[in-house]
Amino acid sequence: MSKLIYPGLVALLLALTSCEGETTYLKRVENRSNYPISIAFEAVMTGESDTVYIDPHTSETVYVTYQRGGNDSPHSCLQEMDNITVITEDSLHVTRDITDASNWDQQITSSNKLGNTVQQLCLFVLDDEDFE
């Protein structure tokens, strides 16, 4: 009888852990302007710096992190990034502050197919009016 219980417990444990789910945190910048930009930042967890170039009228994911388990509670859009700046060409000045969390739109989507899978998207948008 114990020979049957052990494989059953292992299968149950694997089934329960595989249903835990995952949360993906995406930071995306949409450049709706006619100007090329770059987003420079430092990752808080690793201290590594990165710069992402974004052509006019395109959008790019600038940072992605994952967490075990589904978390649909709102997460600060700037929590994982430090010293974030918008770099422009031709001495343009950006009037929309990327370091102000209220300038980011947050969208949370959740799926419960195999565990709770959540995506938290933070979106920062720049238009021509945001440059001077």
N, C-alpha and C. Protein backbone atom coordinates (compact mmCIF):
# COMPACT_ATOMS: atom_id res chain seq x y z
N MET A 1 0.82 -1.19 0.00
CA MET A 1 0.00 0.00 0.00
C MET A 1 0.86 1.26 0.00
N SER A 2 1.98 1.26 0.74
CA SER A 2 2.83 2.45 0.77
C SER A 2 3.47 2.72 -0.58
N LYS A 3 3.59 1.66 -1.41
CA LYS A 3 4.15 1.86 -2.75
C LYS A 3 3.21 2.70 -3.60
N LEU A 4 1.93 2.68 -3.34
CA LEU A 4 0.96 3.45 -4.10
C LEU A 4 0.81 4.87 -3.55
N ILE A 5 0.99 5.05 -2.27
CA ILE A 5 0.81 6.36 -1.65
C ILE A 5 1.92 7.31 -2.07
N TYR A 6 3.17 6.87 -2.06
CA TYR A 6 4.30 7.73 -2.37
C TYR A 6 4.20 8.37 -3.76
N PRO A 7 3.97 7.60 -4.82
CA PRO A 7 3.83 8.24 -6.14
C PRO A 7 2.62 9.18 -6.21
N GLY A 8 1.57 8.83 -5.50
CA GLY A 8 0.39 9.70 -5.48
C GLY A 8 0.68 11.03 -4.81
N LEU A 9 1.43 11.01 -3.71
CA LEU A 9 1.80 12.24 -3.02
C LEU A 9 2.72 13.11 -3.87
N VAL A 10 3.67 12.48 -4.55
CA VAL A 10 4.57 13.22 -5.43
C VAL A 10 3.78 13.89 -6.56
N ALA A 11 2.86 13.16 -7.16
CA ALA A 11 2.05 13.72 -8.23
C ALA A 11 1.18 14.88 -7.73
N LEU A 12 0.61 14.73 -6.53
CA LEU A 12 -0.20 15.80 -5.95
C LEU A 12 0.64 17.03 -5.66
N LEU A 13 1.82 16.84 -5.12
CA LEU A 13 2.72 17.96 -4.83
C LEU A 13 3.12 18.69 -6.10
N LEU A 14 3.45 17.96 -7.15
CA LEU A 14 3.80 18.59 -8.43
C LEU A 14 2.62 19.36 -9.01
N ALA A 15 1.43 18.80 -8.90
CA ALA A 15 0.24 19.47 -9.43
C ALA A 15 -0.02 20.77 -8.68
N LEU A 16 0.14 20.74 -7.37
CA LEU A 16 -0.12 21.95 -6.59
C LEU A 16 0.91 23.04 -6.84
N THR A 17 2.18 22.68 -6.97
CA THR A 17 3.21 23.70 -7.20
C THR A 17 3.14 24.25 -8.62
N SER A 18 2.69 23.46 -9.57
CA SER A 18 2.60 23.97 -10.94
C SER A 18 1.41 24.90 -11.12
N CYS A 19 0.49 24.93 -10.17
CA CYS A 19 -0.68 25.80 -10.25
C CYS A 19 -0.47 27.12 -9.53
N GLU A 20 0.74 27.37 -9.07
CA GLU A 20 1.01 28.57 -8.30
C GLU A 20 0.85 29.84 -9.13
N GLY A 21 1.15 29.77 -10.40
CA GLY A 21 1.02 30.94 -11.26
C GLY A 21 2.26 31.81 -11.26
N GLU A 22 2.14 32.94 -11.95
CA GLU A 22 3.28 33.85 -12.10
C GLU A 22 2.76 35.24 -12.40
N THR A 23 3.52 36.24 -11.99
CA THR A 23 3.21 37.62 -12.31
C THR A 23 4.35 38.20 -13.15
N THR A 24 3.99 38.82 -14.27
CA THR A 24 4.94 39.48 -15.14
C THR A 24 4.72 40.98 -15.01
N TYR A 25 5.80 41.71 -14.73
CA TYR A 25 5.75 43.16 -14.63
C TYR A 25 6.47 43.75 -15.85
N LEU A 26 5.73 44.45 -16.70
CA LEU A 26 6.29 45.04 -17.92
C LEU A 26 6.29 46.55 -17.81
N LYS A 27 7.41 47.16 -18.15
CA LYS A 27 7.52 48.62 -18.26
C LYS A 27 7.71 48.93 -19.73
N ARG A 28 6.77 49.67 -20.31
CA ARG A 28 6.79 49.93 -21.75
C ARG A 28 6.68 51.43 -21.99
N VAL A 29 7.44 51.92 -22.98
CA VAL A 29 7.39 53.33 -23.36
C VAL A 29 6.90 53.40 -24.80
N GLU A 30 5.87 54.20 -25.01
CA GLU A 30 5.32 54.40 -26.36
C GLU A 30 5.68 55.80 -26.83
N ASN A 31 6.42 55.85 -27.92
CA ASN A 31 6.87 57.12 -28.48
C ASN A 31 5.97 57.49 -29.66
N ARG A 32 4.94 58.28 -29.39
CA ARG A 32 4.01 58.70 -30.44
C ARG A 32 4.49 59.98 -31.14
N SER A 33 5.67 60.42 -30.78
CA SER A 33 6.19 61.69 -31.32
C SER A 33 6.95 61.45 -32.62
N ASN A 34 7.40 62.56 -33.20
CA ASN A 34 8.23 62.51 -34.41
C ASN A 34 9.72 62.51 -34.09
N TYR A 35 10.07 62.38 -32.81
CA TYR A 35 11.46 62.47 -32.36
C TYR A 35 11.95 61.12 -31.83
N PRO A 36 13.15 60.71 -32.20
CA PRO A 36 13.71 59.50 -31.59
C PRO A 36 14.12 59.80 -30.15
N ILE A 37 13.95 58.82 -29.29
CA ILE A 37 14.32 58.99 -27.88
C ILE A 37 15.05 57.74 -27.40
N SER A 38 15.69 57.88 -26.26
CA SER A 38 16.27 56.74 -25.55
C SER A 38 15.84 56.84 -24.09
N ILE A 39 15.61 55.70 -23.48
CA ILE A 39 15.28 55.65 -22.07
C ILE A 39 16.47 55.02 -21.35
N ALA A 40 17.05 55.77 -20.42
CA ALA A 40 18.19 55.29 -19.64
C ALA A 40 17.73 55.09 -18.20
N PHE A 41 18.16 53.99 -17.59
CA PHE A 41 17.77 53.72 -16.20
C PHE A 41 18.75 52.75 -15.57
N GLU A 42 18.62 52.62 -14.27
CA GLU A 42 19.41 51.67 -13.50
C GLU A 42 18.44 50.70 -12.84
N ALA A 43 18.71 49.40 -12.97
CA ALA A 43 17.87 48.39 -12.33
C ALA A 43 18.16 48.37 -10.84
N VAL A 44 17.15 48.53 -10.01
CA VAL A 44 17.33 48.62 -8.57
C VAL A 44 17.93 47.33 -8.01
N MET A 45 17.44 46.17 -8.42
CA MET A 45 17.88 44.90 -7.86
C MET A 45 19.34 44.57 -8.21
N THR A 46 19.76 44.86 -9.43
CA THR A 46 21.10 44.46 -9.87
C THR A 46 22.09 45.62 -9.91
N GLY A 47 21.59 46.84 -9.97
CA GLY A 47 22.46 48.00 -10.09
C GLY A 47 22.98 48.22 -11.50
N GLU A 48 22.58 47.36 -12.43
CA GLU A 48 23.03 47.48 -13.81
C GLU A 48 22.29 48.61 -14.53
N SER A 49 23.02 49.33 -15.38
CA SER A 49 22.42 50.40 -16.17
C SER A 49 22.07 49.87 -17.56
N ASP A 50 21.02 50.46 -18.14
CA ASP A 50 20.61 50.06 -19.48
C ASP A 50 20.04 51.28 -20.19
N THR A 51 20.13 51.28 -21.50
CA THR A 51 19.55 52.33 -22.33
C THR A 51 18.83 51.65 -23.49
N VAL A 52 17.57 52.06 -23.69
CA VAL A 52 16.75 51.49 -24.76
C VAL A 52 16.38 52.59 -25.74
N TYR A 53 16.72 52.39 -27.01
CA TYR A 53 16.42 53.35 -28.07
C TYR A 53 15.01 53.08 -28.59
N ILE A 54 14.25 54.16 -28.83
CA ILE A 54 12.88 54.02 -29.33
C ILE A 54 12.68 54.97 -30.50
N ASP A 55 12.42 54.41 -31.67
CA ASP A 55 12.15 55.20 -32.87
C ASP A 55 10.84 55.96 -32.72
N PRO A 56 10.66 57.03 -33.53
CA PRO A 56 9.37 57.73 -33.55
C PRO A 56 8.23 56.77 -33.94
N HIS A 57 7.11 56.95 -33.32
CA HIS A 57 5.88 56.21 -33.61
C HIS A 57 6.02 54.70 -33.39
N THR A 58 6.82 54.34 -32.40
CA THR A 58 6.95 52.93 -32.01
C THR A 58 6.93 52.84 -30.49
N SER A 59 6.85 51.62 -29.98
CA SER A 59 6.93 51.42 -28.54
C SER A 59 7.87 50.25 -28.26
N GLU A 60 8.48 50.30 -27.10
CA GLU A 60 9.43 49.26 -26.70
C GLU A 60 9.22 48.92 -25.23
N THR A 61 9.40 47.65 -24.91
CA THR A 61 9.45 47.24 -23.52
C THR A 61 10.85 47.55 -23.01
N VAL A 62 10.93 48.34 -21.96
CA VAL A 62 12.24 48.76 -21.46
C VAL A 62 12.69 47.91 -20.27
N TYR A 63 11.75 47.24 -19.59
CA TYR A 63 12.13 46.44 -18.43
C TYR A 63 11.06 45.40 -18.15
N VAL A 64 11.50 44.18 -17.82
CA VAL A 64 10.58 43.09 -17.48
C VAL A 64 11.11 42.36 -16.26
N THR A 65 10.21 42.07 -15.32
CA THR A 65 10.56 41.22 -14.18
C THR A 65 9.42 40.22 -13.97
N TYR A 66 9.75 39.14 -13.29
CA TYR A 66 8.79 38.08 -13.03
C TYR A 66 8.77 37.78 -11.53
N GLN A 67 7.63 37.34 -11.07
CA GLN A 67 7.49 36.94 -9.67
C GLN A 67 6.65 35.66 -9.62
N ARG A 68 7.06 34.74 -8.79
CA ARG A 68 6.27 33.52 -8.60
C ARG A 68 4.96 33.86 -7.93
N GLY A 69 3.91 33.25 -8.39
CA GLY A 69 2.58 33.49 -7.82
C GLY A 69 1.88 34.63 -8.53
N GLY A 70 0.59 34.54 -8.61
CA GLY A 70 -0.21 35.58 -9.25
C GLY A 70 -0.49 36.71 -8.27
N ASN A 71 -0.09 37.93 -8.63
CA ASN A 71 -0.30 39.10 -7.78
C ASN A 71 -1.04 40.15 -8.59
N ASP A 72 -2.33 40.34 -8.29
CA ASP A 72 -3.09 41.34 -9.03
C ASP A 72 -3.29 42.62 -8.23
N SER A 73 -2.53 42.79 -7.14
CA SER A 73 -2.52 44.06 -6.42
C SER A 73 -1.65 45.04 -7.18
N PRO A 74 -2.09 46.29 -7.35
CA PRO A 74 -1.29 47.26 -8.10
C PRO A 74 0.13 47.38 -7.56
N HIS A 75 1.07 47.50 -8.47
CA HIS A 75 2.50 47.53 -8.18
C HIS A 75 3.04 48.85 -8.72
N SER A 76 3.87 49.54 -7.97
CA SER A 76 4.41 50.82 -8.43
C SER A 76 5.15 50.67 -9.75
N CYS A 77 4.83 51.52 -10.70
CA CYS A 77 5.46 51.44 -12.02
C CYS A 77 6.94 51.76 -12.00
N LEU A 78 7.42 52.45 -10.99
CA LEU A 78 8.82 52.87 -10.94
C LEU A 78 9.63 52.09 -9.90
N GLN A 79 9.03 51.08 -9.29
CA GLN A 79 9.67 50.39 -8.18
C GLN A 79 11.00 49.73 -8.54
N GLU A 80 11.13 49.12 -9.70
CA GLU A 80 12.35 48.39 -10.06
C GLU A 80 13.39 49.24 -10.78
N MET A 81 13.03 50.48 -11.14
CA MET A 81 13.94 51.31 -11.93
C MET A 81 14.32 52.57 -11.15
N ASP A 82 15.61 52.91 -11.22
CA ASP A 82 16.12 54.08 -10.53
C ASP A 82 16.83 54.97 -11.55
N ASN A 83 16.91 56.25 -11.29
CA ASN A 83 17.60 57.21 -12.17
C ASN A 83 17.12 57.11 -13.61
N ILE A 84 15.83 57.01 -13.81
CA ILE A 84 15.28 56.87 -15.16
C ILE A 84 15.17 58.25 -15.81
N THR A 85 15.62 58.33 -17.06
CA THR A 85 15.58 59.59 -17.81
C THR A 85 15.24 59.33 -19.27
N VAL A 86 14.70 60.36 -19.90
CA VAL A 86 14.45 60.34 -21.34
C VAL A 86 15.55 61.16 -22.00
N ILE A 87 16.24 60.55 -22.94
CA ILE A 87 17.32 61.21 -23.66
C ILE A 87 16.82 61.56 -25.05
N THR A 88 17.02 62.81 -25.46
CA THR A 88 16.56 63.26 -26.78
C THR A 88 17.75 63.75 -27.60
N GLU A 89 17.50 63.89 -28.89
CA GLU A 89 18.49 64.47 -29.79
C GLU A 89 18.17 65.95 -30.00
N ASP A 90 19.08 66.69 -30.54
CA ASP A 90 18.87 68.10 -30.92
C ASP A 90 18.49 68.99 -29.74
N SER A 91 18.96 68.69 -28.54
CA SER A 91 18.75 69.53 -27.35
C SER A 91 17.28 69.76 -27.03
N LEU A 92 16.43 68.83 -27.38
CA LEU A 92 15.02 68.95 -27.02
C LEU A 92 14.85 68.69 -25.53
N HIS A 93 13.85 69.33 -24.95
CA HIS A 93 13.53 69.14 -23.54
C HIS A 93 12.18 68.42 -23.45
N VAL A 94 12.13 67.39 -22.63
CA VAL A 94 10.88 66.64 -22.43
C VAL A 94 10.14 67.26 -21.26
N THR A 95 8.89 67.66 -21.48
CA THR A 95 8.11 68.31 -20.43
C THR A 95 7.32 67.31 -19.58
N ARG A 96 7.10 66.13 -20.06
CA ARG A 96 6.37 65.09 -19.30
C ARG A 96 7.40 64.32 -18.47
N ASP A 97 7.22 64.32 -17.16
CA ASP A 97 8.19 63.75 -16.23
C ASP A 97 8.03 62.23 -16.12
N ILE A 98 9.03 61.49 -16.58
CA ILE A 98 8.99 60.03 -16.54
C ILE A 98 9.17 59.51 -15.11
N THR A 99 9.70 60.33 -14.21
CA THR A 99 9.90 59.89 -12.82
C THR A 99 8.67 60.12 -11.95
N ASP A 100 7.62 60.70 -12.52
CA ASP A 100 6.36 60.92 -11.81
C ASP A 100 5.44 59.72 -12.08
N ALA A 101 5.17 58.93 -11.06
CA ALA A 101 4.36 57.72 -11.23
C ALA A 101 2.97 58.00 -11.79
N SER A 102 2.45 59.20 -11.56
CA SER A 102 1.11 59.53 -12.08
C SER A 102 1.10 59.69 -13.60
N ASN A 103 2.27 59.79 -14.23
CA ASN A 103 2.36 59.88 -15.69
C ASN A 103 2.41 58.52 -16.37
N TRP A 104 2.36 57.45 -15.59
CA TRP A 104 2.35 56.09 -16.12
C TRP A 104 0.94 55.53 -16.01
N ASP A 105 0.48 54.84 -17.05
CA ASP A 105 -0.81 54.15 -17.00
C ASP A 105 -0.54 52.69 -16.66
N GLN A 106 -1.37 52.13 -15.79
CA GLN A 106 -1.17 50.74 -15.38
C GLN A 106 -2.38 49.91 -15.78
N GLN A 107 -2.09 48.76 -16.39
CA GLN A 107 -3.14 47.82 -16.80
C GLN A 107 -2.79 46.45 -16.22
N ILE A 108 -3.76 45.86 -15.51
CA ILE A 108 -3.55 44.56 -14.89
C ILE A 108 -4.51 43.56 -15.51
N THR A 109 -3.96 42.48 -16.07
CA THR A 109 -4.79 41.41 -16.63
C THR A 109 -4.46 40.12 -15.91
N SER A 110 -5.47 39.29 -15.73
CA SER A 110 -5.30 38.06 -14.97
C SER A 110 -5.98 36.90 -15.70
N SER A 111 -5.38 35.73 -15.59
CA SER A 111 -5.93 34.51 -16.18
C SER A 111 -5.79 33.40 -15.14
N ASN A 112 -6.82 32.59 -15.01
CA ASN A 112 -6.79 31.52 -14.01
C ASN A 112 -6.81 30.14 -14.64
N LYS A 113 -6.19 29.96 -15.80
CA LYS A 113 -6.20 28.66 -16.47
C LYS A 113 -5.42 27.62 -15.69
N LEU A 114 -4.14 27.81 -15.49
CA LEU A 114 -3.31 26.91 -14.69
C LEU A 114 -2.63 27.74 -13.62
N GLY A 115 -3.32 27.97 -12.55
CA GLY A 115 -2.80 28.87 -11.54
C GLY A 115 -3.17 30.28 -11.94
N ASN A 116 -2.86 31.23 -11.10
CA ASN A 116 -3.20 32.61 -11.38
C ASN A 116 -2.03 33.27 -12.12
N THR A 117 -2.21 33.53 -13.41
CA THR A 117 -1.19 34.19 -14.22
C THR A 117 -1.62 35.64 -14.40
N VAL A 118 -0.75 36.56 -13.96
CA VAL A 118 -1.08 37.98 -13.97
C VAL A 118 -0.03 38.73 -14.78
N GLN A 119 -0.48 39.72 -15.55
CA GLN A 119 0.44 40.63 -16.23
C GLN A 119 0.12 42.04 -15.78
N GLN A 120 1.13 42.73 -15.26
CA GLN A 120 0.98 44.12 -14.87
C GLN A 120 1.81 44.96 -15.83
N LEU A 121 1.11 45.70 -16.68
CA LEU A 121 1.76 46.54 -17.68
C LEU A 121 1.73 47.99 -17.23
N CYS A 122 2.90 48.62 -17.22
CA CYS A 122 3.01 50.05 -16.97
C CYS A 122 3.42 50.72 -18.27
N LEU A 123 2.68 51.74 -18.68
CA LEU A 123 2.90 52.37 -19.98
C LEU A 123 3.12 53.87 -19.81
N PHE A 124 4.22 54.36 -20.37
CA PHE A 124 4.53 55.78 -20.39
C PHE A 124 4.46 56.23 -21.85
N VAL A 125 3.67 57.25 -22.14
CA VAL A 125 3.43 57.71 -23.52
C VAL A 125 3.96 59.13 -23.70
N LEU A 126 4.69 59.33 -24.80
CA LEU A 126 5.16 60.66 -25.18
C LEU A 126 4.58 61.04 -26.55
N ASP A 127 4.01 62.24 -26.62
CA ASP A 127 3.51 62.81 -27.88
C ASP A 127 4.37 64.01 -28.25
N ASP A 128 4.18 64.55 -29.45
CA ASP A 128 4.93 65.75 -29.88
C ASP A 128 4.77 66.91 -28.90
N GLU A 129 3.59 67.03 -28.27
CA GLU A 129 3.33 68.11 -27.33
C GLU A 129 4.20 68.02 -26.08
N ASP A 130 4.81 66.88 -25.85
CA ASP A 130 5.63 66.68 -24.64
C ASP A 130 7.08 67.12 -24.84
N PHE A 131 7.38 67.74 -25.97
CA PHE A 131 8.75 68.20 -26.27
C PHE A 131 8.73 69.71 -26.52
N GLU A 132 9.82 70.36 -26.11
CA GLU A 132 9.95 71.80 -26.43
C GLU A 132 11.39 72.12 -26.76
